[in-house]
Amino acid sequence: MANWKNNPAFLGMDARKRTMVEFLFNSLNGKNINDALPIITNWNMQLKQNNISFTKEENDLLTQIFLQELTPAQMKQFELMKAFMKK
């Protein structure tokens, strides 16, 4: 995905959601998986406190944004964590 900000799912979000997604994206930029996890946890807490939730389409977009920024080594870490979390 060349530019996630032009994705219909992103453009269809209300302003609060777009702001939160941009904040997350900027916060994760350049971070490794270990540094990203606390940021994502904190972000999820902020969503709950503000009663913000995402549709399946929006969640898919968030996953794409996150995954496109991972290096190959980070992607391996992510896949291992994902497999572990399914157990």
N, C-alpha and C. Protein backbone atom coordinates (compact mmCIF):
# COMPACT_ATOMS: atom_id res chain seq x y z
N MET A 1 0.87 -1.17 0.00
CA MET A 1 0.00 0.00 0.00
C MET A 1 0.91 1.22 0.00
N ALA A 2 0.88 1.95 -1.07
CA ALA A 2 1.79 3.08 -1.24
C ALA A 2 1.50 4.21 -0.26
N ASN A 3 0.24 4.61 -0.13
CA ASN A 3 -0.09 5.71 0.76
C ASN A 3 -1.37 5.38 1.53
N TRP A 4 -1.21 4.92 2.76
CA TRP A 4 -2.34 4.49 3.56
C TRP A 4 -3.31 5.61 3.88
N LYS A 5 -2.86 6.85 3.82
CA LYS A 5 -3.76 7.97 4.12
C LYS A 5 -4.80 8.18 3.03
N ASN A 6 -4.60 7.58 1.86
CA ASN A 6 -5.58 7.67 0.77
C ASN A 6 -6.51 6.46 0.72
N ASN A 7 -6.32 5.51 1.65
CA ASN A 7 -7.15 4.32 1.68
C ASN A 7 -8.58 4.69 2.07
N PRO A 8 -9.59 4.17 1.35
CA PRO A 8 -10.98 4.49 1.67
C PRO A 8 -11.36 4.20 3.13
N ALA A 9 -10.78 3.15 3.71
CA ALA A 9 -11.08 2.84 5.11
C ALA A 9 -10.58 3.96 6.02
N PHE A 10 -9.40 4.49 5.72
CA PHE A 10 -8.87 5.59 6.53
C PHE A 10 -9.68 6.86 6.30
N LEU A 11 -9.95 7.17 5.05
CA LEU A 11 -10.70 8.39 4.73
C LEU A 11 -12.13 8.35 5.27
N GLY A 12 -12.67 7.14 5.42
CA GLY A 12 -14.02 7.00 5.93
C GLY A 12 -14.14 7.07 7.44
N MET A 13 -13.01 7.07 8.13
CA MET A 13 -13.03 7.16 9.59
C MET A 13 -13.41 8.56 10.03
N ASP A 14 -14.01 8.64 11.23
CA ASP A 14 -14.26 9.98 11.75
C ASP A 14 -12.93 10.60 12.18
N ALA A 15 -12.95 11.88 12.40
CA ALA A 15 -11.72 12.64 12.65
C ALA A 15 -10.95 12.13 13.87
N ARG A 16 -11.67 11.73 14.92
CA ARG A 16 -10.98 11.23 16.13
C ARG A 16 -10.21 9.96 15.82
N LYS A 17 -10.82 9.07 15.04
CA LYS A 17 -10.13 7.83 14.68
C LYS A 17 -8.91 8.11 13.82
N ARG A 18 -9.06 8.99 12.83
CA ARG A 18 -7.92 9.32 11.96
C ARG A 18 -6.78 9.91 12.78
N THR A 19 -7.11 10.78 13.72
CA THR A 19 -6.09 11.38 14.59
C THR A 19 -5.37 10.30 15.39
N MET A 20 -6.12 9.36 15.94
CA MET A 20 -5.52 8.29 16.73
C MET A 20 -4.63 7.39 15.86
N VAL A 21 -5.07 7.10 14.64
CA VAL A 21 -4.28 6.26 13.74
C VAL A 21 -2.98 6.98 13.37
N GLU A 22 -3.08 8.25 13.04
CA GLU A 22 -1.87 9.01 12.69
C GLU A 22 -0.92 9.08 13.88
N PHE A 23 -1.46 9.28 15.08
CA PHE A 23 -0.63 9.31 16.28
C PHE A 23 0.10 7.98 16.44
N LEU A 24 -0.64 6.86 16.29
CA LEU A 24 -0.01 5.55 16.42
C LEU A 24 1.08 5.36 15.37
N PHE A 25 0.76 5.67 14.12
CA PHE A 25 1.72 5.50 13.04
C PHE A 25 2.99 6.31 13.31
N ASN A 26 2.84 7.56 13.71
CA ASN A 26 4.00 8.41 14.01
C ASN A 26 4.78 7.89 15.21
N SER A 27 4.08 7.36 16.20
CA SER A 27 4.74 6.84 17.40
C SER A 27 5.52 5.57 17.11
N LEU A 28 5.04 4.77 16.17
CA LEU A 28 5.70 3.50 15.86
C LEU A 28 6.82 3.63 14.84
N ASN A 29 6.86 4.75 14.15
CA ASN A 29 7.85 4.94 13.09
C ASN A 29 9.27 4.74 13.61
N GLY A 30 9.96 3.76 13.05
CA GLY A 30 11.35 3.50 13.41
C GLY A 30 11.54 2.66 14.67
N LYS A 31 10.47 2.23 15.29
CA LYS A 31 10.57 1.44 16.52
C LYS A 31 10.69 -0.04 16.19
N ASN A 32 11.41 -0.76 17.05
CA ASN A 32 11.44 -2.21 16.90
C ASN A 32 10.24 -2.81 17.62
N ILE A 33 10.03 -4.10 17.45
CA ILE A 33 8.86 -4.77 18.02
C ILE A 33 8.80 -4.57 19.54
N ASN A 34 9.93 -4.73 20.20
CA ASN A 34 9.93 -4.60 21.67
C ASN A 34 9.52 -3.20 22.12
N ASP A 35 9.94 -2.18 21.39
CA ASP A 35 9.56 -0.81 21.73
C ASP A 35 8.13 -0.51 21.31
N ALA A 36 7.65 -1.20 20.28
CA ALA A 36 6.30 -0.94 19.76
C ALA A 36 5.21 -1.47 20.68
N LEU A 37 5.46 -2.60 21.34
CA LEU A 37 4.41 -3.21 22.14
C LEU A 37 3.86 -2.29 23.24
N PRO A 38 4.71 -1.63 24.03
CA PRO A 38 4.15 -0.72 25.04
C PRO A 38 3.39 0.46 24.42
N ILE A 39 3.83 0.91 23.27
CA ILE A 39 3.15 2.01 22.58
C ILE A 39 1.75 1.56 22.16
N ILE A 40 1.66 0.36 21.60
CA ILE A 40 0.37 -0.17 21.16
C ILE A 40 -0.54 -0.41 22.36
N THR A 41 0.02 -0.93 23.45
CA THR A 41 -0.77 -1.16 24.66
C THR A 41 -1.34 0.15 25.19
N ASN A 42 -0.52 1.17 25.26
CA ASN A 42 -0.96 2.48 25.73
C ASN A 42 -2.02 3.07 24.79
N TRP A 43 -1.82 2.90 23.51
CA TRP A 43 -2.76 3.40 22.52
C TRP A 43 -4.12 2.72 22.67
N ASN A 44 -4.10 1.40 22.90
CA ASN A 44 -5.35 0.67 23.12
C ASN A 44 -6.07 1.16 24.36
N MET A 45 -5.33 1.46 25.40
CA MET A 45 -5.94 2.00 26.62
C MET A 45 -6.59 3.35 26.34
N GLN A 46 -5.94 4.19 25.56
CA GLN A 46 -6.51 5.48 25.20
C GLN A 46 -7.80 5.31 24.39
N LEU A 47 -7.81 4.32 23.51
CA LEU A 47 -9.03 4.05 22.73
C LEU A 47 -10.18 3.69 23.66
N LYS A 48 -9.92 2.80 24.61
CA LYS A 48 -10.96 2.37 25.54
C LYS A 48 -11.46 3.53 26.38
N GLN A 49 -10.53 4.36 26.87
CA GLN A 49 -10.91 5.51 27.69
C GLN A 49 -11.77 6.49 26.93
N ASN A 50 -11.56 6.58 25.62
CA ASN A 50 -12.31 7.52 24.79
C ASN A 50 -13.46 6.85 24.03
N ASN A 51 -13.76 5.59 24.37
CA ASN A 51 -14.84 4.85 23.70
C ASN A 51 -14.72 4.84 22.18
N ILE A 52 -13.51 4.59 21.71
CA ILE A 52 -13.26 4.53 20.27
C ILE A 52 -13.02 3.07 19.89
N SER A 53 -13.73 2.61 18.88
CA SER A 53 -13.50 1.27 18.36
C SER A 53 -13.47 1.34 16.84
N PHE A 54 -12.91 0.30 16.24
CA PHE A 54 -12.72 0.27 14.80
C PHE A 54 -13.50 -0.88 14.18
N THR A 55 -13.94 -0.68 12.95
CA THR A 55 -14.61 -1.73 12.20
C THR A 55 -13.57 -2.74 11.73
N LYS A 56 -14.04 -3.87 11.19
CA LYS A 56 -13.11 -4.87 10.66
C LYS A 56 -12.25 -4.27 9.55
N GLU A 57 -12.86 -3.50 8.65
CA GLU A 57 -12.12 -2.88 7.55
C GLU A 57 -11.04 -1.93 8.10
N GLU A 58 -11.41 -1.17 9.11
CA GLU A 58 -10.44 -0.24 9.72
C GLU A 58 -9.32 -1.01 10.41
N ASN A 59 -9.66 -2.10 11.10
CA ASN A 59 -8.63 -2.92 11.75
C ASN A 59 -7.69 -3.54 10.72
N ASP A 60 -8.24 -3.96 9.59
CA ASP A 60 -7.40 -4.51 8.53
C ASP A 60 -6.41 -3.46 8.03
N LEU A 61 -6.88 -2.22 7.89
CA LEU A 61 -6.00 -1.13 7.46
C LEU A 61 -4.90 -0.90 8.50
N LEU A 62 -5.26 -0.90 9.76
CA LEU A 62 -4.25 -0.71 10.81
C LEU A 62 -3.20 -1.80 10.76
N THR A 63 -3.63 -3.02 10.52
CA THR A 63 -2.68 -4.13 10.41
C THR A 63 -1.75 -3.92 9.22
N GLN A 64 -2.31 -3.51 8.09
CA GLN A 64 -1.49 -3.25 6.90
C GLN A 64 -0.46 -2.15 7.18
N ILE A 65 -0.89 -1.09 7.84
CA ILE A 65 0.02 0.02 8.15
C ILE A 65 1.17 -0.49 9.00
N PHE A 66 0.82 -1.24 10.04
CA PHE A 66 1.83 -1.76 10.95
C PHE A 66 2.81 -2.69 10.22
N LEU A 67 2.28 -3.62 9.44
CA LEU A 67 3.13 -4.61 8.79
C LEU A 67 4.02 -4.01 7.71
N GLN A 68 3.55 -3.00 7.00
CA GLN A 68 4.36 -2.43 5.93
C GLN A 68 5.60 -1.71 6.46
N GLU A 69 5.59 -1.37 7.72
CA GLU A 69 6.72 -0.66 8.30
C GLU A 69 7.77 -1.57 8.91
N LEU A 70 7.47 -2.87 8.98
CA LEU A 70 8.40 -3.80 9.61
C LEU A 70 9.53 -4.19 8.66
N THR A 71 10.71 -4.30 9.23
CA THR A 71 11.84 -4.85 8.48
C THR A 71 11.64 -6.36 8.39
N PRO A 72 12.38 -7.05 7.53
CA PRO A 72 12.25 -8.51 7.47
C PRO A 72 12.51 -9.18 8.83
N ALA A 73 13.49 -8.69 9.58
CA ALA A 73 13.77 -9.27 10.90
C ALA A 73 12.60 -9.02 11.87
N GLN A 74 12.04 -7.82 11.81
CA GLN A 74 10.89 -7.50 12.65
C GLN A 74 9.68 -8.34 12.26
N MET A 75 9.52 -8.59 10.98
CA MET A 75 8.41 -9.41 10.51
C MET A 75 8.53 -10.82 11.07
N LYS A 76 9.75 -11.36 11.11
CA LYS A 76 9.96 -12.69 11.70
C LYS A 76 9.56 -12.67 13.17
N GLN A 77 9.98 -11.63 13.91
CA GLN A 77 9.61 -11.51 15.31
C GLN A 77 8.10 -11.44 15.46
N PHE A 78 7.45 -10.66 14.62
CA PHE A 78 6.01 -10.51 14.67
C PHE A 78 5.31 -11.84 14.41
N GLU A 79 5.76 -12.57 13.41
CA GLU A 79 5.16 -13.86 13.09
C GLU A 79 5.32 -14.84 14.24
N LEU A 80 6.47 -14.82 14.89
CA LEU A 80 6.69 -15.70 16.05
C LEU A 80 5.75 -15.32 17.19
N MET A 81 5.62 -14.03 17.45
CA MET A 81 4.73 -13.56 18.51
C MET A 81 3.29 -13.92 18.17
N LYS A 82 2.91 -13.74 16.93
CA LYS A 82 1.54 -14.03 16.50
C LYS A 82 1.23 -15.51 16.69
N ALA A 83 2.16 -16.37 16.32
CA ALA A 83 1.98 -17.80 16.49
C ALA A 83 1.88 -18.16 17.98
N PHE A 84 2.69 -17.54 18.79
CA PHE A 84 2.68 -17.79 20.23
C PHE A 84 1.36 -17.34 20.85
N MET A 85 0.82 -16.21 20.39
CA MET A 85 -0.41 -15.66 20.95
C MET A 85 -1.61 -16.54 20.59
N LYS A 86 -1.54 -17.32 19.53
CA LYS A 86 -2.65 -18.18 19.13
C LYS A 86 -2.75 -19.42 20.02
N LYS A 87 -1.67 -19.76 20.70
CA LYS A 87 -1.65 -20.97 21.54
C LYS A 87 -2.45 -20.78 22.80
